[in-house]
Amino acid sequence: IENALPLIIDSDLTLTNDKIWHLVGRTSVEDGYTLTIEPGTIIKGEAGTGANATCLLIARGAKINAQGTPTQPIIFTSTIDNIQIGELHGSSLAPTLNGLWGGVIICGKSPISASNPTMQIEGIPASDYNGLYGGNDESDNSGVLSYVSIRHGGANIGEGNEINGLTLGGVGNGTTINNIEVVANQDDGIEWFGGN
């Protein structure tokens, strides 16, 4: 698939807005690295269910720098959405069609209210250590999400366990999140698990 993101991002990476990028599986930005997404960039997720559900996972210690603008939002959607570069929406999907891919998950090192200081985030198999969240750093910084639209997600990974549009686990108050739109997600639009 053209412009497919690697499943493991273990170096700083910038997604430019002059091409459409593809998530082909569970794509993890690893501890110590930053994924930068230019304003107006479109990212399309492949279909996938169960342990193979497609998502973008920002692990503890990693950062996302996704600063869209009101006129150039960053758009996450399904591969069957016919939206093209420079467009704000396509015409191929009904605004209620959901569960076509996973979603965006951010794990931080901030306190959580579970019995353990760290837990595995909903939607990520226990075998994937990048799904751990929680810690004791209230000011943990997972980056910036601003003017981001997440569409047609919420793939089911098991009974009563879907991926949310945006999942935040133990995200600290050094993180900036504003102007988020979630359209047609099968599970919750945004779900928080602890954090500051």
Foldseek 3Di string as FASTA:
>chain_A
DPQEDDQEAAEEEEAELPAEHEFEFNREDDAPYEYEYDFQYEYAYAADEAQGFTEYEYFENYAYAQAYDPQGAYEYYHPQFPDDRNDPGGDRDDQQAAARGAAYEYAYADAFDDPDQKDFDFPHDPVDNSRIHGHHDQLTERYEHYRYEQERHFHYNDVVGTHENYEYEQHHPVYYYDNYHYINYPDHNYYYGDGD
